[in-house]
Amino acid sequence: MPANQKGRIKEYEDTKFLELREYLIHDKGLPDLVQETNRIVEEAKTLSPQFNGIELEGPETKGLQ
């Protein structure tokens, strides 16, 4: 992977980790994990072509519903 793509991924991860940290700090225990995960994946697809092939498994296959 070219260095510039690695840099973009690192920037994206740094931003997302800070955002997720804020969510955790302010979490009220509401069960919206599946929806939030879907939102993050969709946002990642718009930022980097490498995420376009990612499809989430249904939550029922992971025991989330």
N, C-alpha and C. Protein backbone atom coordinates (compact mmCIF):
# COMPACT_ATOMS: atom_id res chain seq x y z
N MET A 1 0.85 -1.17 0.00
CA MET A 1 0.00 0.00 0.00
C MET A 1 0.90 1.24 0.00
N PRO A 2 0.61 2.19 -0.87
CA PRO A 2 1.41 3.41 -0.91
C PRO A 2 1.33 4.19 0.39
N ALA A 3 2.40 4.92 0.69
CA ALA A 3 2.50 5.66 1.95
C ALA A 3 1.39 6.69 2.09
N ASN A 4 0.99 7.35 0.99
CA ASN A 4 -0.05 8.37 1.11
C ASN A 4 -1.39 7.75 1.51
N GLN A 5 -1.68 6.53 1.04
CA GLN A 5 -2.90 5.85 1.45
C GLN A 5 -2.84 5.44 2.91
N LYS A 6 -1.67 4.99 3.35
CA LYS A 6 -1.51 4.64 4.76
C LYS A 6 -1.73 5.87 5.63
N GLY A 7 -1.22 7.02 5.18
CA GLY A 7 -1.42 8.26 5.92
C GLY A 7 -2.88 8.64 6.02
N ARG A 8 -3.63 8.47 4.92
CA ARG A 8 -5.06 8.78 4.94
C ARG A 8 -5.80 7.87 5.90
N ILE A 9 -5.43 6.60 5.90
CA ILE A 9 -6.09 5.64 6.80
C ILE A 9 -5.77 6.01 8.25
N LYS A 10 -4.52 6.36 8.52
CA LYS A 10 -4.15 6.74 9.89
C LYS A 10 -4.93 7.98 10.33
N GLU A 11 -5.03 8.98 9.47
CA GLU A 11 -5.80 10.19 9.80
C GLU A 11 -7.26 9.84 10.08
N TYR A 12 -7.83 8.98 9.23
CA TYR A 12 -9.22 8.57 9.42
C TYR A 12 -9.38 7.84 10.75
N GLU A 13 -8.49 6.89 11.04
CA GLU A 13 -8.56 6.14 12.29
C GLU A 13 -8.42 7.06 13.50
N ASP A 14 -7.46 7.98 13.44
CA ASP A 14 -7.27 8.91 14.55
C ASP A 14 -8.54 9.71 14.81
N THR A 15 -9.15 10.22 13.75
CA THR A 15 -10.39 10.99 13.87
C THR A 15 -11.50 10.12 14.43
N LYS A 16 -11.63 8.92 13.89
CA LYS A 16 -12.71 8.02 14.34
C LYS A 16 -12.51 7.60 15.79
N PHE A 17 -11.29 7.30 16.19
CA PHE A 17 -11.06 6.88 17.57
C PHE A 17 -11.40 7.99 18.55
N LEU A 18 -11.06 9.24 18.19
CA LEU A 18 -11.44 10.36 19.05
C LEU A 18 -12.96 10.50 19.11
N GLU A 19 -13.61 10.35 17.96
CA GLU A 19 -15.08 10.44 17.91
C GLU A 19 -15.71 9.32 18.74
N LEU A 20 -15.21 8.10 18.58
CA LEU A 20 -15.75 6.97 19.33
C LEU A 20 -15.50 7.14 20.83
N ARG A 21 -14.35 7.70 21.19
CA ARG A 21 -14.06 7.97 22.61
C ARG A 21 -15.10 8.92 23.19
N GLU A 22 -15.44 9.95 22.43
CA GLU A 22 -16.47 10.88 22.89
C GLU A 22 -17.82 10.18 23.06
N TYR A 23 -18.15 9.30 22.11
CA TYR A 23 -19.40 8.53 22.24
C TYR A 23 -19.39 7.71 23.52
N LEU A 24 -18.26 7.07 23.81
CA LEU A 24 -18.18 6.25 25.02
C LEU A 24 -18.33 7.09 26.28
N ILE A 25 -17.70 8.24 26.29
CA ILE A 25 -17.78 9.11 27.46
C ILE A 25 -19.22 9.55 27.71
N HIS A 26 -19.95 9.83 26.64
CA HIS A 26 -21.31 10.35 26.76
C HIS A 26 -22.38 9.28 26.58
N ASP A 27 -21.97 8.03 26.53
CA ASP A 27 -22.92 6.93 26.30
C ASP A 27 -23.94 6.85 27.43
N LYS A 28 -25.19 6.70 27.05
CA LYS A 28 -26.27 6.55 28.01
C LYS A 28 -26.78 5.11 28.05
N GLY A 29 -26.05 4.21 27.40
CA GLY A 29 -26.43 2.81 27.43
C GLY A 29 -27.52 2.44 26.44
N LEU A 30 -27.82 3.31 25.49
CA LEU A 30 -28.85 3.01 24.51
C LEU A 30 -28.31 2.01 23.49
N PRO A 31 -29.08 1.01 23.15
CA PRO A 31 -28.60 -0.06 22.26
C PRO A 31 -28.66 0.33 20.78
N ASP A 32 -27.79 1.23 20.36
CA ASP A 32 -27.76 1.62 18.95
C ASP A 32 -26.44 1.24 18.27
N LEU A 33 -25.78 0.23 18.79
CA LEU A 33 -24.48 -0.18 18.28
C LEU A 33 -24.54 -0.59 16.81
N VAL A 34 -25.56 -1.34 16.44
CA VAL A 34 -25.66 -1.81 15.05
C VAL A 34 -25.83 -0.62 14.11
N GLN A 35 -26.69 0.31 14.46
CA GLN A 35 -26.91 1.48 13.61
C GLN A 35 -25.64 2.34 13.52
N GLU A 36 -24.95 2.50 14.61
CA GLU A 36 -23.73 3.30 14.62
C GLU A 36 -22.64 2.63 13.80
N THR A 37 -22.52 1.32 13.90
CA THR A 37 -21.54 0.58 13.10
C THR A 37 -21.85 0.74 11.62
N ASN A 38 -23.11 0.63 11.25
CA ASN A 38 -23.51 0.82 9.86
C ASN A 38 -23.16 2.23 9.38
N ARG A 39 -23.38 3.23 10.22
CA ARG A 39 -23.08 4.61 9.86
C ARG A 39 -21.57 4.79 9.63
N ILE A 40 -20.77 4.21 10.50
CA ILE A 40 -19.31 4.33 10.39
C ILE A 40 -18.81 3.66 9.11
N VAL A 41 -19.33 2.47 8.80
CA VAL A 41 -18.91 1.77 7.59
C VAL A 41 -19.31 2.57 6.35
N GLU A 42 -20.52 3.12 6.33
CA GLU A 42 -20.95 3.91 5.18
C GLU A 42 -20.08 5.16 5.02
N GLU A 43 -19.71 5.79 6.12
CA GLU A 43 -18.84 6.96 6.05
C GLU A 43 -17.46 6.56 5.53
N ALA A 44 -16.96 5.42 5.99
CA ALA A 44 -15.65 4.94 5.53
C ALA A 44 -15.67 4.69 4.03
N LYS A 45 -16.77 4.17 3.52
CA LYS A 45 -16.88 3.90 2.09
C LYS A 45 -16.78 5.18 1.27
N THR A 46 -17.28 6.29 1.80
CA THR A 46 -17.21 7.55 1.07
C THR A 46 -15.81 8.14 1.10
N LEU A 47 -15.01 7.77 2.10
CA LEU A 47 -13.68 8.35 2.26
C LEU A 47 -12.58 7.56 1.58
N SER A 48 -12.77 6.26 1.44
CA SER A 48 -11.70 5.44 0.87
C SER A 48 -12.29 4.31 0.04
N PRO A 49 -11.83 4.17 -1.21
CA PRO A 49 -12.35 3.12 -2.08
C PRO A 49 -12.12 1.72 -1.54
N GLN A 50 -11.11 1.53 -0.69
CA GLN A 50 -10.83 0.18 -0.20
C GLN A 50 -11.95 -0.36 0.68
N PHE A 51 -12.81 0.52 1.21
CA PHE A 51 -13.91 0.07 2.06
C PHE A 51 -15.17 -0.27 1.26
N ASN A 52 -15.17 0.00 -0.04
CA ASN A 52 -16.39 -0.18 -0.83
C ASN A 52 -16.87 -1.62 -0.89
N GLY A 53 -15.99 -2.57 -0.74
CA GLY A 53 -16.40 -3.97 -0.80
C GLY A 53 -16.88 -4.53 0.53
N ILE A 54 -16.81 -3.74 1.59
CA ILE A 54 -17.17 -4.23 2.92
C ILE A 54 -18.69 -4.30 3.05
N GLU A 55 -19.16 -5.43 3.43
CA GLU A 55 -20.58 -5.61 3.73
C GLU A 55 -20.68 -6.17 5.14
N LEU A 56 -21.55 -5.62 5.92
CA LEU A 56 -21.73 -6.10 7.28
C LEU A 56 -22.61 -7.33 7.29
N GLU A 57 -22.29 -8.24 8.19
CA GLU A 57 -23.17 -9.37 8.42
C GLU A 57 -24.37 -8.87 9.21
N GLY A 58 -25.48 -9.53 9.02
CA GLY A 58 -26.66 -9.14 9.77
C GLY A 58 -26.41 -9.28 11.26
N PRO A 59 -26.98 -8.39 12.08
CA PRO A 59 -26.73 -8.44 13.51
C PRO A 59 -27.18 -9.75 14.15
N GLU A 60 -28.16 -10.37 13.55
CA GLU A 60 -28.64 -11.63 14.14
C GLU A 60 -27.60 -12.72 14.05
N THR A 61 -26.67 -12.65 13.08
CA THR A 61 -25.62 -13.66 12.96
C THR A 61 -24.53 -13.46 13.99
N LYS A 62 -24.47 -12.29 14.56
CA LYS A 62 -23.47 -11.99 15.59
C LYS A 62 -24.09 -12.00 16.99
N GLY A 63 -25.34 -12.36 17.09
CA GLY A 63 -25.99 -12.42 18.40
C GLY A 63 -26.33 -11.05 18.97
N LEU A 64 -26.49 -10.04 18.09
CA LEU A 64 -26.77 -8.70 18.58
C LEU A 64 -28.26 -8.40 18.67
N GLN A 65 -29.08 -9.27 18.12
CA GLN A 65 -30.52 -9.03 18.22
C GLN A 65 -31.22 -10.30 18.64
